[in-house]
Amino acid sequence: MPITKSAKKSLKVSLKKREMNRAQEVELGKMLKKASSSNINEVISKIDKAAKNHLISKNKAARLKSRFMKKFGTPARQRKTAVVAGGPKATKSPQVQSSKSKPQNDNVKSKIKTIPKDKAKK
């Protein structure tokens, strides 16, 4: 049993976290067992939330999502956007260099100070 005040608080906090994690694990397990093509969005959402809260690793989450996508197909929201778009996306226009990017070579040459030969030899 904890003796110090901080140890007591730590025990209390860890028990609450354990209870919440356990509830989320049980809920995730139920969702995985009841997965179907009609509720694939909810299942994928639960998997993402579990990975975000470190209940499962991100690799396991990706693996589960991949298997469900293969079994049930892509989620409905992605299918709708692909149909509405009406084909492949348009190509992007050429990107303009931002002010944070490196200057071009001709700009660099103009900024370099030249030292006269007579001063450079001294």
PDB file of N, CA and C in Angstrom:
ATOM      1  N   MET A   1       0.842  -1.188   0.000  1.00  0.00           N
ATOM      2  CA  MET A   1       0.000   0.000   0.000  1.00  0.00           C
ATOM      3  C   MET A   1       0.881   1.242   0.000  1.00  0.00           C
ATOM      4  N   PRO A   2       0.436   2.284  -0.724  1.00  0.00           N
ATOM      5  CA  PRO A   2       1.221   3.519  -0.752  1.00  0.00           C
ATOM      6  C   PRO A   2       1.216   4.216   0.609  1.00  0.00           C
ATOM      7  N   ILE A   3       2.327   4.846   0.904  1.00  0.00           N
ATOM      8  CA  ILE A   3       2.453   5.521   2.188  1.00  0.00           C
ATOM      9  C   ILE A   3       2.406   7.036   2.016  1.00  0.00           C
ATOM     10  N   THR A   4       3.208   7.560   1.084  1.00  0.00           N
ATOM     11  CA  THR A   4       3.259   9.016   0.908  1.00  0.00           C
ATOM     12  C   THR A   4       2.027   9.512   0.164  1.00  0.00           C
ATOM     13  N   LYS A   5       1.834  10.818   0.284  1.00  0.00           N
ATOM     14  CA  LYS A   5       0.661  11.442  -0.329  1.00  0.00           C
ATOM     15  C   LYS A   5       0.721  11.319  -1.859  1.00  0.00           C
ATOM     16  N   SER A   6       1.910  11.534  -2.435  1.00  0.00           N
ATOM     17  CA  SER A   6       2.044  11.448  -3.892  1.00  0.00           C
ATOM     18  C   SER A   6       1.842  10.018  -4.387  1.00  0.00           C
ATOM     19  N   ALA A   7       2.271   9.038  -3.605  1.00  0.00           N
ATOM     20  CA  ALA A   7       2.079   7.641  -3.995  1.00  0.00           C
ATOM     21  C   ALA A   7       0.600   7.265  -3.966  1.00  0.00           C
ATOM     22  N   LYS A   8      -0.122   7.802  -2.993  1.00  0.00           N
ATOM     23  CA  LYS A   8      -1.566   7.547  -2.909  1.00  0.00           C
ATOM     24  C   LYS A   8      -2.280   8.128  -4.127  1.00  0.00           C
ATOM     25  N   LYS A   9      -1.885   9.352  -4.484  1.00  0.00           N
ATOM     26  CA  LYS A   9      -2.499   9.998  -5.632  1.00  0.00           C
ATOM     27  C   LYS A   9      -2.161   9.231  -6.919  1.00  0.00           C
ATOM     28  N   SER A  10      -0.915   8.798  -7.030  1.00  0.00           N
ATOM     29  CA  SER A  10      -0.482   8.038  -8.198  1.00  0.00           C
ATOM     30  C   SER A  10      -1.287   6.754  -8.346  1.00  0.00           C
ATOM     31  N   LEU A  11      -1.531   6.067  -7.245  1.00  0.00           N
ATOM     32  CA  LEU A  11      -2.328   4.848  -7.273  1.00  0.00           C
ATOM     33  C   LEU A  11      -3.753   5.140  -7.735  1.00  0.00           C
ATOM     34  N   LYS A  12      -4.321   6.213  -7.213  1.00  0.00           N
ATOM     35  CA  LYS A  12      -5.683   6.590  -7.557  1.00  0.00           C
ATOM     36  C   LYS A  12      -5.802   6.902  -9.059  1.00  0.00           C
ATOM     37  N   VAL A  13      -4.824   7.655  -9.567  1.00  0.00           N
ATOM     38  CA  VAL A  13      -4.834   8.038 -10.976  1.00  0.00           C
ATOM     39  C   VAL A  13      -4.649   6.805 -11.862  1.00  0.00           C
ATOM     40  N   SER A  14      -3.713   5.933 -11.497  1.00  0.00           N
ATOM     41  CA  SER A  14      -3.451   4.757 -12.327  1.00  0.00           C
ATOM     42  C   SER A  14      -4.655   3.811 -12.351  1.00  0.00           C
ATOM     43  N   LEU A  15      -5.382   3.708 -11.251  1.00  0.00           N
ATOM     44  CA  LEU A  15      -6.580   2.871 -11.237  1.00  0.00           C
ATOM     45  C   LEU A  15      -7.663   3.428 -12.156  1.00  0.00           C
ATOM     46  N   LYS A  16      -7.810   4.763 -12.169  1.00  0.00           N
ATOM     47  CA  LYS A  16      -8.796   5.386 -13.060  1.00  0.00           C
ATOM     48  C   LYS A  16      -8.410   5.163 -14.519  1.00  0.00           C
ATOM     49  N   LYS A  17      -7.120   5.351 -14.826  1.00  0.00           N
ATOM     50  CA  LYS A  17      -6.662   5.139 -16.198  1.00  0.00           C
ATOM     51  C   LYS A  17      -6.846   3.690 -16.622  1.00  0.00           C
ATOM     52  N   ARG A  18      -6.557   2.772 -15.702  1.00  0.00           N
ATOM     53  CA  ARG A  18      -6.706   1.348 -16.007  1.00  0.00           C
ATOM     54  C   ARG A  18      -8.153   1.023 -16.330  1.00  0.00           C
ATOM     55  N   GLU A  19      -9.058   1.587 -15.540  1.00  0.00           N
ATOM     56  CA  GLU A  19     -10.490   1.351 -15.749  1.00  0.00           C
ATOM     57  C   GLU A  19     -10.932   1.883 -17.111  1.00  0.00           C
ATOM     58  N   MET A  20     -10.488   3.089 -17.453  1.00  0.00           N
ATOM     59  CA  MET A  20     -10.868   3.684 -18.741  1.00  0.00           C
ATOM     60  C   MET A  20     -10.272   2.902 -19.906  1.00  0.00           C
ATOM     61  N   ASN A  21      -8.996   2.520 -19.777  1.00  0.00           N
ATOM     62  CA  ASN A  21      -8.348   1.749 -20.841  1.00  0.00           C
ATOM     63  C   ASN A  21      -9.038   0.410 -21.044  1.00  0.00           C
ATOM     64  N   ARG A  22      -9.387  -0.234 -19.948  1.00  0.00           N
ATOM     65  CA  ARG A  22     -10.061  -1.531 -20.024  1.00  0.00           C
ATOM     66  C   ARG A  22     -11.415  -1.397 -20.738  1.00  0.00           C
ATOM     67  N   ALA A  23     -12.146  -0.342 -20.417  1.00  0.00           N
ATOM     68  CA  ALA A  23     -13.444  -0.117 -21.060  1.00  0.00           C
ATOM     69  C   ALA A  23     -13.269   0.095 -22.563  1.00  0.00           C
ATOM     70  N   GLN A  24     -12.244   0.873 -22.941  1.00  0.00           N
ATOM     71  CA  GLN A  24     -12.005   1.121 -24.363  1.00  0.00           C
ATOM     72  C   GLN A  24     -11.570  -0.154 -25.084  1.00  0.00           C
ATOM     73  N   GLU A  25     -10.763  -0.981 -24.420  1.00  0.00           N
ATOM     74  CA  GLU A  25     -10.333  -2.242 -25.026  1.00  0.00           C
ATOM     75  C   GLU A  25     -11.517  -3.170 -25.275  1.00  0.00           C
ATOM     76  N   VAL A  26     -12.420  -3.252 -24.303  1.00  0.00           N
ATOM     77  CA  VAL A  26     -13.602  -4.104 -24.444  1.00  0.00           C
ATOM     78  C   VAL A  26     -14.482  -3.597 -25.578  1.00  0.00           C
ATOM     79  N   GLU A  27     -14.680  -2.275 -25.627  1.00  0.00           N
ATOM     80  CA  GLU A  27     -15.520  -1.677 -26.666  1.00  0.00           C
ATOM     81  C   GLU A  27     -14.901  -1.905 -28.050  1.00  0.00           C
ATOM     82  N   LEU A  28     -13.579  -1.770 -28.151  1.00  0.00           N
ATOM     83  CA  LEU A  28     -12.898  -2.007 -29.417  1.00  0.00           C
ATOM     84  C   LEU A  28     -13.058  -3.463 -29.848  1.00  0.00           C
ATOM     85  N   GLY A  29     -12.913  -4.379 -28.909  1.00  0.00           N
ATOM     86  CA  GLY A  29     -13.070  -5.800 -29.219  1.00  0.00           C
ATOM     87  C   GLY A  29     -14.455  -6.119 -29.735  1.00  0.00           C
ATOM     88  N   LYS A  30     -15.477  -5.525 -29.117  1.00  0.00           N
ATOM     89  CA  LYS A  30     -16.853  -5.742 -29.574  1.00  0.00           C
ATOM     90  C   LYS A  30     -17.057  -5.200 -30.983  1.00  0.00           C
ATOM     91  N   MET A  31     -16.487  -4.010 -31.242  1.00  0.00           N
ATOM     92  CA  MET A  31     -16.633  -3.412 -32.567  1.00  0.00           C
ATOM     93  C   MET A  31     -15.941  -4.259 -33.632  1.00  0.00           C
ATOM     94  N   LEU A  32     -14.776  -4.814 -33.295  1.00  0.00           N
ATOM     95  CA  LEU A  32     -14.044  -5.630 -34.261  1.00  0.00           C
ATOM     96  C   LEU A  32     -14.815  -6.913 -34.591  1.00  0.00           C
ATOM     97  N   LYS A  33     -15.480  -7.474 -33.596  1.00  0.00           N
ATOM     98  CA  LYS A  33     -16.248  -8.694 -33.820  1.00  0.00           C
ATOM     99  C   LYS A  33     -17.514  -8.429 -34.632  1.00  0.00           C
ATOM    100  N   LYS A  34     -18.110  -7.241 -34.457  1.00  0.00           N
ATOM    101  CA  LYS A  34     -19.358  -6.911 -35.143  1.00  0.00           C
ATOM    102  C   LYS A  34     -19.127  -6.140 -36.437  1.00  0.00           C
ATOM    103  N   ALA A  35     -17.902  -6.123 -36.933  1.00  0.00           N
ATOM    104  CA  ALA A  35     -17.586  -5.353 -38.137  1.00  0.00           C
ATOM    105  C   ALA A  35     -18.338  -5.897 -39.343  1.00  0.00           C
ATOM    106  N   SER A  36     -18.878  -4.959 -40.117  1.00  0.00           N
ATOM    107  CA  SER A  36     -19.561  -5.318 -41.361  1.00  0.00           C
ATOM    108  C   SER A  36     -19.396  -4.165 -42.338  1.00  0.00           C
ATOM    109  N   SER A  37     -19.854  -4.373 -43.546  1.00  0.00           N
ATOM    110  CA  SER A  37     -19.701  -3.319 -44.553  1.00  0.00           C
ATOM    111  C   SER A  37     -20.545  -2.084 -44.222  1.00  0.00           C
ATOM    112  N   SER A  38     -21.595  -2.265 -43.430  1.00  0.00           N
ATOM    113  CA  SER A  38     -22.450  -1.120 -43.097  1.00  0.00           C
ATOM    114  C   SER A  38     -21.852  -0.232 -42.000  1.00  0.00           C
ATOM    115  N   ASN A  39     -21.044  -0.802 -41.106  1.00  0.00           N
ATOM    116  CA  ASN A  39     -20.483   0.016 -40.025  1.00  0.00           C
ATOM    117  C   ASN A  39     -18.960   0.103 -40.073  1.00  0.00           C
ATOM    118  N   ILE A  40     -18.401  -0.023 -41.265  1.00  0.00           N
ATOM    119  CA  ILE A  40     -16.940   0.005 -41.410  1.00  0.00           C
ATOM    120  C   ILE A  40     -16.365   1.360 -40.985  1.00  0.00           C
ATOM    121  N   ASN A  41     -17.106   2.458 -41.205  1.00  0.00           N
ATOM    122  CA  ASN A  41     -16.621   3.780 -40.796  1.00  0.00           C
ATOM    123  C   ASN A  41     -16.429   3.860 -39.292  1.00  0.00           C
ATOM    124  N   GLU A  42     -17.399   3.332 -38.526  1.00  0.00           N
ATOM    125  CA  GLU A  42     -17.306   3.374 -37.070  1.00  0.00           C
ATOM    126  C   GLU A  42     -16.161   2.496 -36.567  1.00  0.00           C
ATOM    127  N   VAL A  43     -15.975   1.361 -37.209  1.00  0.00           N
ATOM    128  CA  VAL A  43     -14.904   0.445 -36.801  1.00  0.00           C
ATOM    129  C   VAL A  43     -13.545   1.093 -37.037  1.00  0.00           C
ATOM    130  N   ILE A  44     -13.365   1.688 -38.186  1.00  0.00           N
ATOM    131  CA  ILE A  44     -12.092   2.345 -38.496  1.00  0.00           C
ATOM    132  C   ILE A  44     -11.855   3.519 -37.560  1.00  0.00           C
ATOM    133  N   SER A  45     -12.908   4.243 -37.222  1.00  0.00           N
ATOM    134  CA  SER A  45     -12.788   5.349 -36.279  1.00  0.00           C
ATOM    135  C   SER A  45     -12.336   4.855 -34.902  1.00  0.00           C
ATOM    136  N   LYS A  46     -12.914   3.755 -34.444  1.00  0.00           N
ATOM    137  CA  LYS A  46     -12.521   3.167 -33.144  1.00  0.00           C
ATOM    138  C   LYS A  46     -11.064   2.714 -33.172  1.00  0.00           C
ATOM    139  N   ILE A  47     -10.653   2.119 -34.276  1.00  0.00           N
ATOM    140  CA  ILE A  47      -9.266   1.664 -34.401  1.00  0.00           C
ATOM    141  C   ILE A  47      -8.313   2.856 -34.329  1.00  0.00           C
ATOM    142  N   ASP A  48      -8.658   3.936 -35.038  1.00  0.00           N
ATOM    143  CA  ASP A  48      -7.812   5.130 -35.020  1.00  0.00           C
ATOM    144  C   ASP A  48      -7.720   5.732 -33.622  1.00  0.00           C
ATOM    145  N   LYS A  49      -8.842   5.787 -32.920  1.00  0.00           N
ATOM    146  CA  LYS A  49      -8.846   6.342 -31.559  1.00  0.00           C
ATOM    147  C   LYS A  49      -8.038   5.470 -30.600  1.00  0.00           C
ATOM    148  N   ALA A  50      -8.131   4.158 -30.772  1.00  0.00           N
ATOM    149  CA  ALA A  50      -7.361   3.251 -29.914  1.00  0.00           C
ATOM    150  C   ALA A  50      -5.866   3.426 -30.157  1.00  0.00           C
ATOM    151  N   ALA A  51      -5.477   3.634 -31.406  1.00  0.00           N
ATOM    152  CA  ALA A  51      -4.068   3.851 -31.719  1.00  0.00           C
ATOM    153  C   ALA A  51      -3.598   5.197 -31.179  1.00  0.00           C
ATOM    154  N   LYS A  52      -4.464   6.200 -31.258  1.00  0.00           N
ATOM    155  CA  LYS A  52      -4.108   7.527 -30.758  1.00  0.00           C
ATOM    156  C   LYS A  52      -3.883   7.513 -29.254  1.00  0.00           C
ATOM    157  N   ASN A  53      -4.673   6.712 -28.542  1.00  0.00           N
ATOM    158  CA  ASN A  53      -4.557   6.611 -27.082  1.00  0.00           C
ATOM    159  C   ASN A  53      -3.575   5.533 -26.639  1.00  0.00           C
ATOM    160  N   HIS A  54      -2.832   4.963 -27.592  1.00  0.00           N
ATOM    161  CA  HIS A  54      -1.806   3.954 -27.321  1.00  0.00           C
ATOM    162  C   HIS A  54      -2.367   2.669 -26.716  1.00  0.00           C
ATOM    163  N   LEU A  55      -3.621   2.356 -26.993  1.00  0.00           N
ATOM    164  CA  LEU A  55      -4.162   1.060 -26.586  1.00  0.00           C
ATOM    165  C   LEU A  55      -3.624  -0.029 -27.493  1.00  0.00           C
ATOM    166  N   ILE A  56      -3.475   0.299 -28.774  1.00  0.00           N
ATOM    167  CA  ILE A  56      -2.838  -0.601 -29.728  1.00  0.00           C
ATOM    168  C   ILE A  56      -1.771   0.208 -30.453  1.00  0.00           C
ATOM    169  N   SER A  57      -0.799  -0.482 -31.035  1.00  0.00           N
ATOM    170  CA  SER A  57       0.261   0.238 -31.740  1.00  0.00           C
ATOM    171  C   SER A  57      -0.263   0.754 -33.075  1.00  0.00           C
ATOM    172  N   LYS A  58       0.429   1.746 -33.624  1.00  0.00           N
ATOM    173  CA  LYS A  58      -0.019   2.309 -34.896  1.00  0.00           C
ATOM    174  C   LYS A  58       0.113   1.295 -36.027  1.00  0.00           C
ATOM    175  N   ASN A  59       1.097   0.391 -35.912  1.00  0.00           N
ATOM    176  CA  ASN A  59       1.239  -0.636 -36.945  1.00  0.00           C
ATOM    177  C   ASN A  59       0.088  -1.635 -36.894  1.00  0.00           C
ATOM    178  N   LYS A  60      -0.337  -1.992 -35.689  1.00  0.00           N
ATOM    179  CA  LYS A  60      -1.472  -2.909 -35.565  1.00  0.00           C
ATOM    180  C   LYS A  60      -2.736  -2.244 -36.094  1.00  0.00           C
ATOM    181  N   ALA A  61      -2.887  -0.947 -35.807  1.00  0.00           N
ATOM    182  CA  ALA A  61      -4.053  -0.222 -36.317  1.00  0.00           C
ATOM    183  C   ALA A  61      -4.059  -0.223 -37.843  1.00  0.00           C
ATOM    184  N   ALA A  62      -2.903   0.026 -38.439  1.00  0.00           N
ATOM    185  CA  ALA A  62      -2.822   0.035 -39.902  1.00  0.00           C
ATOM    186  C   ALA A  62      -3.118  -1.348 -40.463  1.00  0.00           C
ATOM    187  N   ARG A  63      -2.619  -2.378 -39.801  1.00  0.00           N
ATOM    188  CA  ARG A  63      -2.848  -3.747 -40.256  1.00  0.00           C
ATOM    189  C   ARG A  63      -4.329  -4.110 -40.186  1.00  0.00           C
ATOM    190  N   LEU A  64      -4.987  -3.751 -39.058  1.00  0.00           N
ATOM    191  CA  LEU A  64      -6.418  -4.037 -38.914  1.00  0.00           C
ATOM    192  C   LEU A  64      -7.236  -3.294 -39.974  1.00  0.00           C
ATOM    193  N   LYS A  65      -6.930  -2.016 -40.152  1.00  0.00           N
ATOM    194  CA  LYS A  65      -7.667  -1.223 -41.132  1.00  0.00           C
ATOM    195  C   LYS A  65      -7.484  -1.790 -42.531  1.00  0.00           C
ATOM    196  N   SER A  66      -6.272  -2.210 -42.839  1.00  0.00           N
ATOM    197  CA  SER A  66      -6.004  -2.784 -44.153  1.00  0.00           C
ATOM    198  C   SER A  66      -6.816  -4.056 -44.372  1.00  0.00           C
ATOM    199  N   ARG A  67      -6.865  -4.893 -43.364  1.00  0.00           N
ATOM    200  CA  ARG A  67      -7.624  -6.146 -43.486  1.00  0.00           C
ATOM    201  C   ARG A  67      -9.114  -5.896 -43.647  1.00  0.00           C
ATOM    202  N   PHE A  68      -9.642  -4.912 -42.890  1.00  0.00           N
ATOM    203  CA  PHE A  68     -11.064  -4.597 -43.021  1.00  0.00           C
ATOM    204  C   PHE A  68     -11.368  -3.987 -44.379  1.00  0.00           C
ATOM    205  N   MET A  69     -10.472  -3.141 -44.873  1.00  0.00           N
ATOM    206  CA  MET A  69     -10.680  -2.544 -46.198  1.00  0.00           C
ATOM    207  C   MET A  69     -10.690  -3.641 -47.267  1.00  0.00           C
ATOM    208  N   LYS A  70      -9.787  -4.594 -47.117  1.00  0.00           N
ATOM    209  CA  LYS A  70      -9.707  -5.679 -48.089  1.00  0.00           C
ATOM    210  C   LYS A  70     -10.965  -6.544 -48.035  1.00  0.00           C
ATOM    211  N   LYS A  71     -11.474  -6.754 -46.827  1.00  0.00           N
ATOM    212  CA  LYS A  71     -12.640  -7.622 -46.651  1.00  0.00           C
ATOM    213  C   LYS A  71     -13.949  -6.943 -47.043  1.00  0.00           C
ATOM    214  N   PHE A  72     -14.125  -5.688 -46.610  1.00  0.00           N
ATOM    215  CA  PHE A  72     -15.412  -4.995 -46.806  1.00  0.00           C
ATOM    216  C   PHE A  72     -15.369  -3.901 -47.860  1.00  0.00           C
ATOM    217  N   GLY A  73     -14.223  -3.566 -48.368  1.00  0.00           N
ATOM    218  CA  GLY A  73     -14.112  -2.473 -49.331  1.00  0.00           C
ATOM    219  C   GLY A  73     -13.856  -1.161 -48.620  1.00  0.00           C
ATOM    220  N   THR A  74     -13.714  -0.105 -49.413  1.00  0.00           N
ATOM    221  CA  THR A  74     -13.424   1.204 -48.839  1.00  0.00           C
ATOM    222  C   THR A  74     -14.643   1.745 -48.117  1.00  0.00           C
ATOM    223  N   PRO A  75     -14.453   2.626 -47.146  1.00  0.00           N
ATOM    224  CA  PRO A  75     -15.597   3.206 -46.434  1.00  0.00           C
ATOM    225  C   PRO A  75     -16.507   3.993 -47.372  1.00  0.00           C
ATOM    226  N   ALA A  76     -17.748   4.138 -46.978  1.00  0.00           N
ATOM    227  CA  ALA A  76     -18.755   4.785 -47.821  1.00  0.00           C
ATOM    228  C   ALA A  76     -18.404   6.229 -48.126  1.00  0.00           C
ATOM    229  N   ARG A  77     -17.851   6.955 -47.166  1.00  0.00           N
ATOM    230  CA  ARG A  77     -17.570   8.373 -47.397  1.00  0.00           C
ATOM    231  C   ARG A  77     -16.514   8.553 -48.484  1.00  0.00           C
ATOM    232  N   GLN A  78     -15.541   7.644 -48.580  1.00  0.00           N
ATOM    233  CA  GLN A  78     -14.529   7.742 -49.618  1.00  0.00           C
ATOM    234  C   GLN A  78     -15.114   7.378 -50.973  1.00  0.00           C
ATOM    235  N   ARG A  79     -15.995   6.409 -50.991  1.00  0.00           N
ATOM    236  CA  ARG A  79     -16.618   6.011 -52.245  1.00  0.00           C
ATOM    237  C   ARG A  79     -17.459   7.155 -52.800  1.00  0.00           C
ATOM    238  N   LYS A  80     -18.196   7.858 -51.945  1.00  0.00           N
ATOM    239  CA  LYS A  80     -19.051   8.955 -52.400  1.00  0.00           C
ATOM    240  C   LYS A  80     -18.230  10.080 -52.994  1.00  0.00           C
ATOM    241  N   THR A  81     -17.120  10.441 -52.357  1.00  0.00           N
ATOM    242  CA  THR A  81     -16.317  11.542 -52.877  1.00  0.00           C
ATOM    243  C   THR A  81     -15.708  11.189 -54.217  1.00  0.00           C
ATOM    244  N   ALA A  82     -15.350   9.927 -54.430  1.00  0.00           N
ATOM    245  CA  ALA A  82     -14.779   9.519 -55.706  1.00  0.00           C
ATOM    246  C   ALA A  82     -15.831   9.611 -56.810  1.00  0.00           C
ATOM    247  N   VAL A  83     -17.091   9.271 -56.519  1.00  0.00           N
ATOM    248  CA  VAL A  83     -18.161   9.323 -57.505  1.00  0.00           C
ATOM    249  C   VAL A  83     -18.517  10.766 -57.825  1.00  0.00           C
ATOM    250  N   VAL A  84     -18.556  11.619 -56.803  1.00  0.00           N
ATOM    251  CA  VAL A  84     -18.929  13.013 -57.003  1.00  0.00           C
ATOM    252  C   VAL A  84     -17.863  13.749 -57.805  1.00  0.00           C
ATOM    253  N   ALA A  85     -16.614  13.388 -57.585  1.00  0.00           N
ATOM    254  CA  ALA A  85     -15.527  14.075 -58.271  1.00  0.00           C
ATOM    255  C   ALA A  85     -15.620  13.884 -59.785  1.00  0.00           C
ATOM    256  N   GLY A  86     -16.133  12.756 -60.233  1.00  0.00           N
ATOM    257  CA  GLY A  86     -16.329  12.550 -61.658  1.00  0.00           C
ATOM    258  C   GLY A  86     -15.053  12.225 -62.411  1.00  0.00           C
ATOM    259  N   GLY A  87     -14.126  11.562 -61.796  1.00  0.00           N
ATOM    260  CA  GLY A  87     -12.917  11.156 -62.501  1.00  0.00           C
ATOM    261  C   GLY A  87     -11.675  11.593 -61.763  1.00  0.00           C
ATOM    262  N   PRO A  88     -10.540  11.497 -62.444  1.00  0.00           N
ATOM    263  CA  PRO A  88      -9.283  11.844 -61.787  1.00  0.00           C
ATOM    264  C   PRO A  88      -9.199  13.335 -61.502  1.00  0.00           C
ATOM    265  N   LYS A  89      -8.423  13.655 -60.508  1.00  0.00           N
ATOM    266  CA  LYS A  89      -8.263  15.058 -60.140  1.00  0.00           C
ATOM    267  C   LYS A  89      -7.457  15.792 -61.203  1.00  0.00           C
ATOM    268  N   ALA A  90      -7.696  17.074 -61.309  1.00  0.00           N
ATOM    269  CA  ALA A  90      -6.959  17.886 -62.263  1.00  0.00           C
ATOM    270  C   ALA A  90      -5.515  18.012 -61.808  1.00  0.00           C
ATOM    271  N   THR A  91      -4.637  18.204 -62.782  1.00  0.00           N
ATOM    272  CA  THR A  91      -3.225  18.336 -62.442  1.00  0.00           C
ATOM    273  C   THR A  91      -2.997  19.673 -61.752  1.00  0.00           C
ATOM    274  N   LYS A  92      -2.008  19.705 -60.909  1.00  0.00           N
ATOM    275  CA  LYS A  92      -1.707  20.931 -60.172  1.00  0.00           C
ATOM    276  C   LYS A  92      -0.964  21.903 -61.072  1.00  0.00           C
ATOM    277  N   SER A  93      -1.185  23.178 -60.833  1.00  0.00           N
ATOM    278  CA  SER A  93      -0.450  24.186 -61.572  1.00  0.00           C
ATOM    279  C   SER A  93       0.970  24.254 -61.028  1.00  0.00           C
ATOM    280  N   PRO A  94       1.910  24.772 -61.784  1.00  0.00           N
ATOM    281  CA  PRO A  94       3.288  24.831 -61.298  1.00  0.00           C
ATOM    282  C   PRO A  94       3.366  25.634 -60.005  1.00  0.00           C
ATOM    283  N   GLN A  95       4.174  25.142 -59.108  1.00  0.00           N
ATOM    284  CA  GLN A  95       4.266  25.790 -57.804  1.00  0.00           C
ATOM    285  C   GLN A  95       5.204  26.981 -57.873  1.00  0.00           C
ATOM    286  N   VAL A  96       4.810  28.039 -57.197  1.00  0.00           N
ATOM    287  CA  VAL A  96       5.627  29.238 -57.111  1.00  0.00           C
ATOM    288  C   VAL A  96       6.501  29.102 -55.881  1.00  0.00           C
ATOM    289  N   GLN A  97       7.775  29.515 -56.005  1.00  0.00           N
ATOM    290  CA  GLN A  97       8.670  29.408 -54.867  1.00  0.00           C
ATOM    291  C   GLN A  97       8.207  30.328 -53.760  1.00  0.00           C
ATOM    292  N   SER A  98       8.230  29.810 -52.552  1.00  0.00           N
ATOM    293  CA  SER A  98       7.853  30.627 -51.415  1.00  0.00           C
ATOM    294  C   SER A  98       9.036  31.484 -51.008  1.00  0.00           C
ATOM    295  N   SER A  99       8.782  32.471 -50.174  1.00  0.00           N
ATOM    296  CA  SER A  99       9.840  33.368 -49.742  1.00  0.00           C
ATOM    297  C   SER A  99      10.841  32.666 -48.833  1.00  0.00           C
ATOM    298  N   LYS A 100      10.461  31.536 -48.240  1.00  0.00           N
ATOM    299  CA  LYS A 100      11.342  30.808 -47.341  1.00  0.00           C
ATOM    300  C   LYS A 100      12.316  29.908 -48.092  1.00  0.00           C
ATOM    301  N   SER A 101      12.046  29.639 -49.363  1.00  0.00           N
ATOM    302  CA  SER A 101      12.905  28.725 -50.104  1.00  0.00           C
ATOM    303  C   SER A 101      14.220  29.396 -50.462  1.00  0.00           C
ATOM    304  N   LYS A 102      15.178  28.607 -50.875  1.00  0.00           N
ATOM    305  CA  LYS A 102      16.497  29.127 -51.214  1.00  0.00           C
ATOM    306  C   LYS A 102      16.407  29.980 -52.479  1.00  0.00           C
ATOM    307  N   PRO A 103      17.186  31.046 -52.544  1.00  0.00           N
ATOM    308  CA  PRO A 103      17.153  31.875 -53.752  1.00  0.00           C
ATOM    309  C   PRO A 103      17.836  31.160 -54.910  1.00  0.00           C
ATOM    310  N   GLN A 104      17.526  31.604 -56.115  1.00  0.00           N
ATOM    311  CA  GLN A 104      18.124  31.005 -57.288  1.00  0.00           C
ATOM    312  C   GLN A 104      19.581  31.422 -57.395  1.00  0.00           C
ATOM    313  N   ASN A 105      20.330  30.731 -58.238  1.00  0.00           N
ATOM    314  CA  ASN A 105      21.770  30.962 -58.349  1.00  0.00           C
ATOM    315  C   ASN A 105      22.118  32.390 -58.771  1.00  0.00           C
ATOM    316  N   ASP A 106      21.360  32.973 -59.720  1.00  0.00           N
ATOM    317  CA  ASP A 106      21.696  34.321 -60.190  1.00  0.00           C
ATOM    318  C   ASP A 106      21.507  35.341 -59.063  1.00  0.00           C
ATOM    319  N   ASN A 107      20.566  35.130 -58.156  1.00  0.00           N
ATOM    320  CA  ASN A 107      20.382  36.032 -57.022  1.00  0.00           C
ATOM    321  C   ASN A 107      21.535  35.914 -56.037  1.00  0.00           C
ATOM    322  N   VAL A 108      22.073  34.733 -55.875  1.00  0.00           N
ATOM    323  CA  VAL A 108      23.173  34.510 -54.940  1.00  0.00           C
ATOM    324  C   VAL A 108      24.416  35.241 -55.409  1.00  0.00           C
ATOM    325  N   LYS A 109      24.693  35.199 -56.701  1.00  0.00           N
ATOM    326  CA  LYS A 109      25.883  35.854 -57.238  1.00  0.00           C
ATOM    327  C   LYS A 109      25.833  37.361 -57.035  1.00  0.00           C
ATOM    328  N   SER A 110      24.653  37.934 -57.148  1.00  0.00           N
ATOM    329  CA  SER A 110      24.540  39.380 -56.991  1.00  0.00           C
ATOM    330  C   SER A 110      24.716  39.802 -55.534  1.00  0.00           C
ATOM    331  N   LYS A 111      24.459  38.904 -54.588  1.00  0.00           N
ATOM    332  CA  LYS A 111      24.574  39.241 -53.168  1.00  0.00           C
ATOM    333  C   LYS A 111      25.989  39.046 -52.634  1.00  0.00           C
ATOM    334  N   ILE A 112      26.840  38.303 -53.353  1.00  0.00           N
ATOM    335  CA  ILE A 112      28.207  38.065 -52.892  1.00  0.00           C
ATOM    336  C   ILE A 112      29.031  39.328 -53.107  1.00  0.00           C
ATOM    337  N   LYS A 113      29.714  39.736 -52.046  1.00  0.00           N
ATOM    338  CA  LYS A 113      30.554  40.933 -52.147  1.00  0.00           C
ATOM    339  C   LYS A 113      31.885  40.540 -52.776  1.00  0.00           C
ATOM    340  N   THR A 114      32.334  41.349 -53.712  1.00  0.00           N
ATOM    341  CA  THR A 114      33.628  41.091 -54.331  1.00  0.00           C
ATOM    342  C   THR A 114      34.686  41.962 -53.662  1.00  0.00           C
ATOM    343  N   ILE A 115      35.816  41.375 -53.429  1.00  0.00           N
ATOM    344  CA  ILE A 115      36.918  42.089 -52.786  1.00  0.00           C
ATOM    345  C   ILE A 115      37.920  42.463 -53.877  1.00  0.00           C
ATOM    346  N   PRO A 116      38.288  43.725 -53.948  1.00  0.00           N
ATOM    347  CA  PRO A 116      39.288  44.108 -54.951  1.00  0.00           C
ATOM    348  C   PRO A 116      40.576  43.332 -54.765  1.00  0.00           C
ATOM    349  N   LYS A 117      41.269  43.035 -55.854  1.00  0.00           N
ATOM    350  CA  LYS A 117      42.474  42.213 -55.823  1.00  0.00           C
ATOM    351  C   LYS A 117      43.575  42.826 -54.979  1.00  0.00           C
ATOM    352  N   ASP A 118      43.724  44.146 -55.017  1.00  0.00           N
ATOM    353  CA  ASP A 118      44.795  44.794 -54.258  1.00  0.00           C
ATOM    354  C   ASP A 118      44.566  44.678 -52.746  1.00  0.00           C
ATOM    355  N   LYS A 119      43.320  44.684 -52.276  1.00  0.00           N
ATOM    356  CA  LYS A 119      43.028  44.536 -50.847  1.00  0.00           C
ATOM    357  C   LYS A 119      43.104  43.078 -50.404  1.00  0.00           C
ATOM    358  N   ALA A 120      42.801  42.141 -51.301  1.00  0.00           N
ATOM    359  CA  ALA A 120      42.793  40.733 -50.974  1.00  0.00           C
ATOM    360  C   ALA A 120      44.203  40.199 -50.734  1.00  0.00           C
ATOM    361  N   LYS A 121      45.226  40.766 -51.366  1.00  0.00           N
ATOM    362  CA  LYS A 121      46.600  40.295 -51.240  1.00  0.00           C
ATOM    363  C   LYS A 121      47.246  40.720 -49.937  1.00  0.00           C
ATOM    364  N   LYS A 122      46.766  41.727 -49.279  1.00  0.00           N
ATOM    365  CA  LYS A 122      47.378  42.225 -48.049  1.00  0.00           C
ATOM    366  C   LYS A 122      47.243  41.297 -46.929  1.00  0.00           C
TER     367      LYS A 122
END
